[in-house]
Amino acid sequence: MKFTSVFDVIGPVMIGPSSSHTAGAARIGRIARDLFGKQPTWAKIHLYGSFAETYKGHGTDVAIIGGLLDYDTYDERIKTSFEEAERLGLTFEFIPETGSVEHPNTARIEIGDGEKEMSMVGVSIGGGSIEIAELNGFPLRMSGGMAAILVVHEDRAGTVANVAVCLAKYAINIGHMEVSRKERGNMALMVIEVDQNVSPEILAEIELLPNITKVTRIKN
């Protein structure tokens, strides 16, 4: 196995007790907030596998809520995230599920604020690392460890190429890209992990391209 960072071996700087159940959970919650684009006012968190079995004892619950409040893995406020959520008007519910999943540390997060809603499936794969497996019903495989842009678009020829050309114009290097769709010719989701954060100005330019519906980003 090749390690690219000392943190691949010892895990991230974090509030304990578990890198998988606490740090990974906080990252899942924080990416959900990033993709939503603002503070949600309600959240339903469905927990599977060992997340469902041990979420109270291992701090998975306070970590996910801390992530939804934009706390990083090392933020001491994770310990009191429930109180802060109440103060900010974020209501939440944890729902342990018994269904089988591919990975034992899986959470489906549903969030909203009265104007829009979003659902996301995140998996804590160990050592504080995570993967995003689904967004609003679109299957995907995103590491969560790199800056990324997500482009909702019509499934039309040339759309992917147009986005890639726009990124190349600004010397933004693509590390990984994948496209998923629910059915041919309908809506599709482009997930592009990049080597540097993409500015709001570039995102706005991409959003003006033909067949593009919405563009969001995850900052590294």
Protein backbone atom coordinates (compact mmCIF):
# COMPACT_ATOMS: atom_id res chain seq x y z
CA MET A 1 0.00 0.00 0.00
CA LYS A 2 1.34 3.44 -0.91
CA PHE A 3 0.92 6.27 1.59
CA THR A 4 1.03 9.85 0.33
CA SER A 5 0.88 11.53 3.72
CA VAL A 6 1.72 10.76 7.34
CA PHE A 7 -2.01 11.28 8.02
CA ASP A 8 -2.75 8.21 5.86
CA VAL A 9 -0.97 6.23 8.60
CA ILE A 10 -1.92 7.97 11.85
CA GLY A 11 -5.22 9.52 10.79
CA PRO A 12 -6.31 13.17 10.90
CA VAL A 13 -6.08 15.67 13.72
CA MET A 14 -9.47 15.12 15.29
CA ILE A 15 -11.79 14.99 18.25
CA GLY A 16 -12.04 11.34 19.34
CA PRO A 17 -12.72 8.63 20.07
CA SER A 18 -12.64 7.06 16.59
CA SER A 19 -11.23 8.15 13.24
CA SER A 20 -13.84 6.10 11.38
CA HIS A 21 -16.84 6.88 13.56
CA THR A 22 -16.00 10.45 14.58
CA ALA A 23 -13.60 12.14 12.14
CA GLY A 24 -15.09 10.39 9.10
CA ALA A 25 -18.59 11.22 10.30
CA ALA A 26 -17.70 14.90 10.75
CA ARG A 27 -16.31 15.02 7.22
CA ILE A 28 -19.46 13.43 5.81
CA GLY A 29 -21.59 16.04 7.55
CA ARG A 30 -19.38 18.92 6.44
CA ILE A 31 -19.37 17.85 2.79
CA ALA A 32 -23.15 17.56 2.90
CA ARG A 33 -23.27 21.16 4.09
CA ASP A 34 -20.80 22.27 1.38
CA LEU A 35 -22.90 20.65 -1.33
CA PHE A 36 -26.09 22.14 0.09
CA GLY A 37 -24.42 25.53 -0.05
CA LYS A 38 -25.66 26.96 3.24
CA GLN A 39 -26.76 26.10 6.75
CA PRO A 40 -29.73 23.69 6.65
CA THR A 41 -32.57 24.12 9.13
CA TRP A 42 -33.43 20.42 9.42
CA ALA A 43 -31.67 17.10 8.98
CA LYS A 44 -32.63 13.43 8.98
CA ILE A 45 -29.66 11.11 9.32
CA HIS A 46 -30.13 7.44 8.48
CA LEU A 47 -27.34 5.28 9.93
CA TYR A 48 -26.38 1.80 8.72
CA GLY A 49 -24.15 -1.01 9.92
CA SER A 50 -21.78 -0.19 12.78
CA PHE A 51 -22.77 3.48 12.55
CA ALA A 52 -26.30 2.43 13.55
CA GLU A 53 -25.05 0.18 16.35
CA THR A 54 -22.54 2.46 18.06
CA TYR A 55 -23.31 6.02 16.98
CA LYS A 56 -24.00 7.34 20.49
CA GLY A 57 -21.00 5.78 22.20
CA HIS A 58 -18.52 6.67 19.45
CA GLY A 59 -19.71 10.23 18.92
CA THR A 60 -20.93 9.68 15.36
CA ASP A 61 -24.06 11.69 16.12
CA VAL A 62 -22.35 14.82 17.50
CA ALA A 63 -19.71 14.57 14.73
CA ILE A 64 -22.24 14.56 11.87
CA ILE A 65 -24.13 17.49 13.38
CA GLY A 66 -20.81 19.28 13.91
CA GLY A 67 -20.02 18.75 10.24
CA LEU A 68 -23.41 20.18 9.27
CA LEU A 69 -22.45 23.23 11.35
CA ASP A 70 -19.21 23.52 9.32
CA TYR A 71 -16.89 22.26 12.09
CA ASP A 72 -13.65 20.56 11.04
CA THR A 73 -12.54 17.23 12.52
CA TYR A 74 -10.35 18.89 15.17
CA ASP A 75 -12.91 21.49 16.29
CA GLU A 76 -13.58 21.20 20.03
CA ARG A 77 -17.13 22.46 19.43
CA ILE A 78 -18.04 19.03 18.01
CA LYS A 79 -18.55 17.92 21.63
CA THR A 80 -21.33 20.50 22.10
CA SER A 81 -22.71 20.49 18.55
CA PHE A 82 -26.21 19.48 19.68
CA GLU A 83 -26.50 22.59 21.84
CA GLU A 84 -25.18 24.85 19.08
CA ALA A 85 -27.55 23.27 16.54
CA GLU A 86 -30.47 24.03 18.83
CA ARG A 87 -29.29 27.62 19.23
CA LEU A 88 -29.08 28.06 15.45
CA GLY A 89 -32.47 26.46 14.81
CA LEU A 90 -31.20 23.24 13.23
CA THR A 91 -33.54 20.38 14.11
CA PHE A 92 -32.30 16.85 13.53
CA GLU A 93 -33.27 13.20 13.86
CA PHE A 94 -31.10 10.06 13.84
CA ILE A 95 -32.68 6.94 12.36
CA PRO A 96 -30.80 3.65 12.87
CA GLU A 97 -31.51 1.33 9.92
CA THR A 98 -31.26 -2.45 9.72
CA GLY A 99 -30.90 -2.85 5.95
CA SER A 100 -27.68 -4.19 4.47
CA VAL A 101 -25.17 -1.82 2.85
CA GLU A 102 -21.89 -2.29 1.01
CA HIS A 103 -19.85 -0.70 3.84
CA PRO A 104 -20.66 -0.84 7.57
CA ASN A 105 -19.97 2.84 8.27
CA THR A 106 -22.64 4.40 6.04
CA ALA A 107 -24.88 7.43 6.55
CA ARG A 108 -27.66 8.83 4.38
CA ILE A 109 -28.11 12.50 5.17
CA GLU A 110 -31.27 14.33 4.14
CA ILE A 111 -31.20 18.08 4.73
CA GLY A 112 -33.29 21.11 3.82
CA ASP A 113 -34.25 24.65 4.78
CA GLY A 114 -37.78 25.25 3.46
CA GLU A 115 -36.51 26.35 0.03
CA LYS A 116 -34.69 23.24 -1.15
CA GLU A 117 -33.77 19.73 -0.07
CA MET A 118 -30.82 17.43 -0.69
CA SER A 119 -29.88 13.83 0.05
CA MET A 120 -26.38 12.37 0.16
CA VAL A 121 -24.88 8.99 1.06
CA GLY A 122 -21.46 9.08 2.70
CA VAL A 123 -19.19 6.23 3.77
CA SER A 124 -16.39 6.39 6.35
CA ILE A 125 -13.76 4.01 4.99
CA GLY A 126 -11.24 4.25 7.83
CA GLY A 127 -8.58 6.59 9.18
CA GLY A 128 -10.88 9.59 8.77
CA SER A 129 -11.13 9.08 5.00
CA ILE A 130 -14.54 9.05 3.36
CA GLU A 131 -16.30 8.46 0.06
CA ILE A 132 -19.49 10.01 -1.24
CA ALA A 133 -21.54 7.25 -2.87
CA GLU A 134 -24.72 9.04 -3.91
CA LEU A 135 -26.11 12.55 -4.34
CA ASN A 136 -29.82 13.18 -4.90
CA GLY A 137 -30.23 9.69 -6.31
CA PHE A 138 -27.21 9.90 -8.63
CA PRO A 139 -24.62 7.18 -7.95
CA LEU A 140 -21.05 8.46 -7.76
CA ARG A 141 -17.68 7.75 -6.21
CA MET A 142 -16.01 10.82 -4.79
CA SER A 143 -13.18 10.75 -2.27
CA GLY A 144 -14.05 13.91 -0.38
CA GLY A 145 -10.33 14.57 0.05
CA MET A 146 -9.86 16.82 -3.00
CA ALA A 147 -11.42 20.01 -4.24
CA ALA A 148 -14.26 19.16 -6.60
CA ILE A 149 -17.04 20.61 -8.69
CA LEU A 150 -20.38 18.92 -9.30
CA VAL A 151 -22.29 19.83 -12.42
CA VAL A 152 -25.95 18.93 -12.93
CA HIS A 153 -26.66 18.98 -16.65
CA GLU A 154 -28.78 17.65 -19.47
CA ASP A 155 -27.46 14.43 -20.96
CA ARG A 156 -26.36 15.92 -24.29
CA ALA A 157 -23.33 15.33 -26.51
CA GLY A 158 -20.50 17.83 -26.01
CA THR A 159 -21.50 18.97 -22.52
CA VAL A 160 -18.63 17.19 -20.75
CA ALA A 161 -16.14 18.47 -23.32
CA ASN A 162 -17.34 22.06 -22.88
CA VAL A 163 -16.78 21.91 -19.12
CA ALA A 164 -13.32 20.34 -19.55
CA VAL A 165 -12.31 23.04 -22.05
CA CYS A 166 -13.42 25.76 -19.62
CA LEU A 167 -11.32 24.27 -16.82
CA ALA A 168 -8.31 23.88 -19.13
CA LYS A 169 -8.58 27.56 -20.10
CA TYR A 170 -7.85 28.46 -16.47
CA ALA A 171 -5.14 25.77 -16.06
CA ILE A 172 -7.28 23.73 -13.64
CA ASN A 173 -6.01 20.16 -13.71
CA ILE A 174 -8.55 17.33 -13.45
CA GLY A 175 -7.56 14.51 -11.09
CA HIS A 176 -10.67 12.38 -11.54
CA MET A 177 -13.91 12.70 -13.45
CA GLU A 178 -17.05 10.61 -13.74
CA VAL A 179 -20.54 11.11 -15.11
CA SER A 180 -23.70 9.37 -13.94
CA ARG A 181 -27.27 9.58 -15.18
CA LYS A 182 -30.59 8.13 -14.11
CA GLU A 183 -31.71 7.49 -17.68
CA ARG A 184 -30.44 8.22 -21.18
CA GLY A 185 -31.13 11.72 -22.49
CA ASN A 186 -32.38 13.03 -19.14
CA MET A 187 -30.54 14.76 -16.30
CA ALA A 188 -26.96 13.75 -15.49
CA LEU A 189 -24.35 14.56 -12.86
CA MET A 190 -20.73 15.33 -13.62
CA VAL A 191 -18.27 14.96 -10.71
CA ILE A 192 -14.83 16.46 -11.28
CA GLU A 193 -12.08 16.30 -8.65
CA VAL A 194 -9.42 18.93 -9.30
CA ASP A 195 -5.99 19.87 -7.98
CA GLN A 196 -6.97 23.33 -6.76
CA ASN A 197 -10.06 25.17 -5.60
CA VAL A 198 -12.23 26.56 -8.38
CA SER A 199 -13.19 30.22 -8.00
CA PRO A 200 -16.82 31.41 -7.96
CA GLU A 201 -16.13 33.30 -11.20
CA ILE A 202 -15.17 30.08 -13.02
CA LEU A 203 -18.19 28.29 -11.57
CA ALA A 204 -20.41 31.07 -12.90
CA GLU A 205 -18.83 30.73 -16.35
CA ILE A 206 -19.44 26.97 -16.36
CA GLU A 207 -23.06 27.53 -15.33
CA LEU A 208 -23.57 29.65 -18.47
CA LEU A 209 -22.48 26.82 -20.78
CA PRO A 210 -25.15 25.06 -22.87
CA ASN A 211 -27.17 22.31 -21.11
CA ILE A 212 -25.85 23.18 -17.63
CA THR A 213 -28.45 23.35 -14.85
CA LYS A 214 -26.46 23.88 -11.66
CA VAL A 215 -22.84 23.94 -10.47
CA THR A 216 -21.62 23.49 -6.91
CA ARG A 217 -18.17 23.00 -5.42
CA ILE A 218 -16.32 21.40 -2.55
CA LYS A 219 -13.31 23.36 -1.33
CA ASN A 220 -10.16 21.54 -0.28
